[in-house]
Amino acid sequence: MHFSISGSEDGQFYWELVGGNGEIIAVSETYTRKESAKDTIASVQAAAGLASVVDYTTNGKRYDRRLP
């Protein structure tokens, strides 16, 4: 698993979290500075182990995420 930093067509930067099988697991928002993308990667790396799991499929609750 690794993070990759890429540039968008409008000159901004974003990161992707790529699984060991090459599939993209997560994509960030865009940042005007590459350092901001790197800072966010560091934050995700530091906090990921502390993240809780919220299961919206229990108790009849449903979560609809907005896709771009």
N, C-alpha and C. Protein backbone atom coordinates (compact mmCIF):
# COMPACT_ATOMS: atom_id res chain seq x y z
N MET A 1 0.86 -1.16 0.00
CA MET A 1 0.00 0.00 0.00
C MET A 1 0.91 1.23 0.00
N HIS A 2 0.49 2.24 -0.76
CA HIS A 2 1.29 3.46 -0.79
C HIS A 2 0.41 4.66 -1.16
N PHE A 3 0.93 5.84 -0.88
CA PHE A 3 0.31 7.08 -1.31
C PHE A 3 1.05 7.55 -2.56
N SER A 4 0.32 8.06 -3.52
CA SER A 4 0.94 8.68 -4.68
C SER A 4 0.41 10.11 -4.79
N ILE A 5 1.29 11.03 -5.17
CA ILE A 5 0.91 12.43 -5.37
C ILE A 5 0.93 12.70 -6.86
N SER A 6 -0.14 13.31 -7.34
CA SER A 6 -0.27 13.63 -8.76
C SER A 6 -0.69 15.08 -8.91
N GLY A 7 -0.56 15.57 -10.13
CA GLY A 7 -1.00 16.92 -10.44
C GLY A 7 -2.26 16.87 -11.28
N SER A 8 -3.16 17.81 -11.04
CA SER A 8 -4.38 17.89 -11.83
C SER A 8 -4.16 18.82 -13.02
N GLU A 9 -5.10 18.81 -13.94
CA GLU A 9 -4.97 19.61 -15.15
C GLU A 9 -4.91 21.11 -14.85
N ASP A 10 -5.47 21.53 -13.73
CA ASP A 10 -5.46 22.95 -13.38
C ASP A 10 -4.27 23.35 -12.52
N GLY A 11 -3.27 22.48 -12.43
CA GLY A 11 -2.04 22.81 -11.71
C GLY A 11 -2.08 22.56 -10.21
N GLN A 12 -3.13 21.93 -9.73
CA GLN A 12 -3.21 21.62 -8.30
C GLN A 12 -2.69 20.20 -8.07
N PHE A 13 -2.64 19.81 -6.81
CA PHE A 13 -2.08 18.51 -6.42
C PHE A 13 -3.12 17.72 -5.65
N TYR A 14 -3.06 16.39 -5.75
CA TYR A 14 -3.91 15.51 -4.97
C TYR A 14 -3.16 14.21 -4.72
N TRP A 15 -3.63 13.46 -3.73
CA TRP A 15 -3.00 12.17 -3.46
C TRP A 15 -4.03 11.07 -3.61
N GLU A 16 -3.51 9.88 -3.88
CA GLU A 16 -4.31 8.67 -3.91
C GLU A 16 -3.68 7.66 -2.99
N LEU A 17 -4.49 6.91 -2.29
CA LEU A 17 -4.03 5.79 -1.49
C LEU A 17 -4.26 4.55 -2.35
N VAL A 18 -3.17 3.85 -2.66
CA VAL A 18 -3.21 2.72 -3.59
C VAL A 18 -2.93 1.43 -2.81
N GLY A 19 -3.80 0.44 -2.98
CA GLY A 19 -3.65 -0.83 -2.30
C GLY A 19 -2.55 -1.67 -2.93
N GLY A 20 -2.18 -2.73 -2.25
CA GLY A 20 -1.15 -3.63 -2.73
C GLY A 20 -1.47 -4.27 -4.07
N ASN A 21 -2.76 -4.33 -4.41
CA ASN A 21 -3.17 -4.90 -5.70
C ASN A 21 -3.25 -3.85 -6.80
N GLY A 22 -2.85 -2.61 -6.49
CA GLY A 22 -2.86 -1.53 -7.47
C GLY A 22 -4.17 -0.78 -7.57
N GLU A 23 -5.18 -1.21 -6.82
CA GLU A 23 -6.47 -0.53 -6.84
C GLU A 23 -6.43 0.73 -5.99
N ILE A 24 -7.09 1.79 -6.44
CA ILE A 24 -7.16 3.04 -5.68
C ILE A 24 -8.20 2.86 -4.58
N ILE A 25 -7.76 3.13 -3.34
CA ILE A 25 -8.62 2.98 -2.18
C ILE A 25 -9.27 4.30 -1.81
N ALA A 26 -8.51 5.40 -1.90
CA ALA A 26 -9.02 6.71 -1.53
C ALA A 26 -8.33 7.78 -2.37
N VAL A 27 -9.05 8.89 -2.58
CA VAL A 27 -8.52 10.03 -3.32
C VAL A 27 -8.81 11.28 -2.50
N SER A 28 -7.83 12.16 -2.42
CA SER A 28 -7.99 13.38 -1.64
C SER A 28 -8.69 14.46 -2.44
N GLU A 29 -8.96 15.56 -1.76
CA GLU A 29 -9.36 16.78 -2.45
C GLU A 29 -8.13 17.34 -3.16
N THR A 30 -8.26 18.43 -3.89
CA THR A 30 -7.10 19.03 -4.53
C THR A 30 -6.54 20.14 -3.64
N TYR A 31 -5.24 20.34 -3.77
CA TYR A 31 -4.51 21.33 -2.98
C TYR A 31 -3.72 22.23 -3.93
N THR A 32 -3.62 23.51 -3.58
CA THR A 32 -2.87 24.43 -4.43
C THR A 32 -1.37 24.26 -4.25
N ARG A 33 -0.96 23.70 -3.11
CA ARG A 33 0.46 23.48 -2.82
C ARG A 33 0.74 22.00 -2.62
N LYS A 34 1.82 21.51 -3.18
CA LYS A 34 2.20 20.11 -2.99
C LYS A 34 2.45 19.81 -1.52
N GLU A 35 3.02 20.77 -0.80
CA GLU A 35 3.28 20.57 0.63
C GLU A 35 2.00 20.32 1.41
N SER A 36 0.90 20.94 1.00
CA SER A 36 -0.39 20.70 1.67
C SER A 36 -0.84 19.26 1.47
N ALA A 37 -0.64 18.74 0.27
CA ALA A 37 -0.96 17.33 0.01
C ALA A 37 -0.11 16.42 0.88
N LYS A 38 1.19 16.72 0.98
CA LYS A 38 2.09 15.92 1.81
C LYS A 38 1.71 16.00 3.28
N ASP A 39 1.33 17.19 3.74
CA ASP A 39 0.91 17.36 5.14
C ASP A 39 -0.32 16.52 5.45
N THR A 40 -1.26 16.48 4.51
CA THR A 40 -2.47 15.69 4.72
C THR A 40 -2.16 14.20 4.74
N ILE A 41 -1.25 13.77 3.88
CA ILE A 41 -0.83 12.37 3.90
C ILE A 41 -0.27 12.02 5.28
N ALA A 42 0.57 12.88 5.82
CA ALA A 42 1.15 12.64 7.14
C ALA A 42 0.06 12.57 8.21
N SER A 43 -0.95 13.42 8.10
CA SER A 43 -2.05 13.39 9.06
C SER A 43 -2.84 12.09 8.98
N VAL A 44 -3.10 11.64 7.76
CA VAL A 44 -3.83 10.38 7.58
C VAL A 44 -3.00 9.22 8.13
N GLN A 45 -1.71 9.22 7.83
CA GLN A 45 -0.85 8.14 8.33
C GLN A 45 -0.84 8.10 9.85
N ALA A 46 -0.78 9.27 10.49
CA ALA A 46 -0.72 9.32 11.96
C ALA A 46 -2.04 8.94 12.60
N ALA A 47 -3.15 9.28 11.98
CA ALA A 47 -4.46 9.09 12.61
C ALA A 47 -5.17 7.80 12.20
N ALA A 48 -4.73 7.16 11.14
CA ALA A 48 -5.47 6.01 10.61
C ALA A 48 -5.65 4.90 11.64
N GLY A 49 -4.66 4.65 12.44
CA GLY A 49 -4.76 3.61 13.44
C GLY A 49 -5.73 3.94 14.56
N LEU A 50 -6.05 5.20 14.72
CA LEU A 50 -6.96 5.65 15.76
C LEU A 50 -8.40 5.78 15.27
N ALA A 51 -8.60 5.60 13.98
CA ALA A 51 -9.93 5.81 13.40
C ALA A 51 -10.91 4.74 13.86
N SER A 52 -12.10 5.18 14.19
CA SER A 52 -13.15 4.23 14.57
C SER A 52 -13.89 3.79 13.31
N VAL A 53 -14.71 2.76 13.47
CA VAL A 53 -15.53 2.26 12.37
C VAL A 53 -16.98 2.58 12.70
N VAL A 54 -17.66 3.26 11.79
CA VAL A 54 -19.08 3.54 11.94
C VAL A 54 -19.81 2.72 10.89
N ASP A 55 -20.65 1.80 11.34
CA ASP A 55 -21.37 0.90 10.44
C ASP A 55 -22.79 1.42 10.26
N TYR A 56 -23.04 2.04 9.12
CA TYR A 56 -24.36 2.59 8.84
C TYR A 56 -25.33 1.55 8.31
N THR A 57 -24.91 0.31 8.23
CA THR A 57 -25.81 -0.72 7.74
C THR A 57 -26.57 -1.41 8.86
N THR A 58 -26.26 -1.07 10.11
CA THR A 58 -26.98 -1.68 11.23
C THR A 58 -28.14 -0.78 11.65
N ASN A 59 -29.10 -1.36 12.31
CA ASN A 59 -30.25 -0.63 12.84
C ASN A 59 -31.04 0.09 11.76
N GLY A 60 -30.99 -0.41 10.54
CA GLY A 60 -31.80 0.17 9.47
C GLY A 60 -31.33 1.51 8.96
N LYS A 61 -30.19 1.99 9.44
CA LYS A 61 -29.70 3.29 8.98
C LYS A 61 -29.05 3.12 7.62
N ARG A 62 -29.10 4.16 6.82
CA ARG A 62 -28.49 4.12 5.52
C ARG A 62 -27.71 5.42 5.31
N TYR A 63 -26.56 5.29 4.70
CA TYR A 63 -25.71 6.43 4.42
C TYR A 63 -25.55 6.56 2.92
N ASP A 64 -25.97 7.68 2.37
CA ASP A 64 -25.81 7.95 0.94
C ASP A 64 -24.72 9.00 0.78
N ARG A 65 -23.61 8.59 0.18
CA ARG A 65 -22.54 9.56 -0.02
C ARG A 65 -22.73 10.23 -1.37
N ARG A 66 -22.28 11.45 -1.44
CA ARG A 66 -22.35 12.19 -2.70
C ARG A 66 -21.11 11.92 -3.51
N LEU A 67 -21.31 11.51 -4.72
CA LEU A 67 -20.18 11.24 -5.61
C LEU A 67 -20.02 12.41 -6.57
N PRO A 68 -18.76 12.68 -6.93
CA PRO A 68 -18.54 13.80 -7.85
C PRO A 68 -19.13 13.55 -9.22
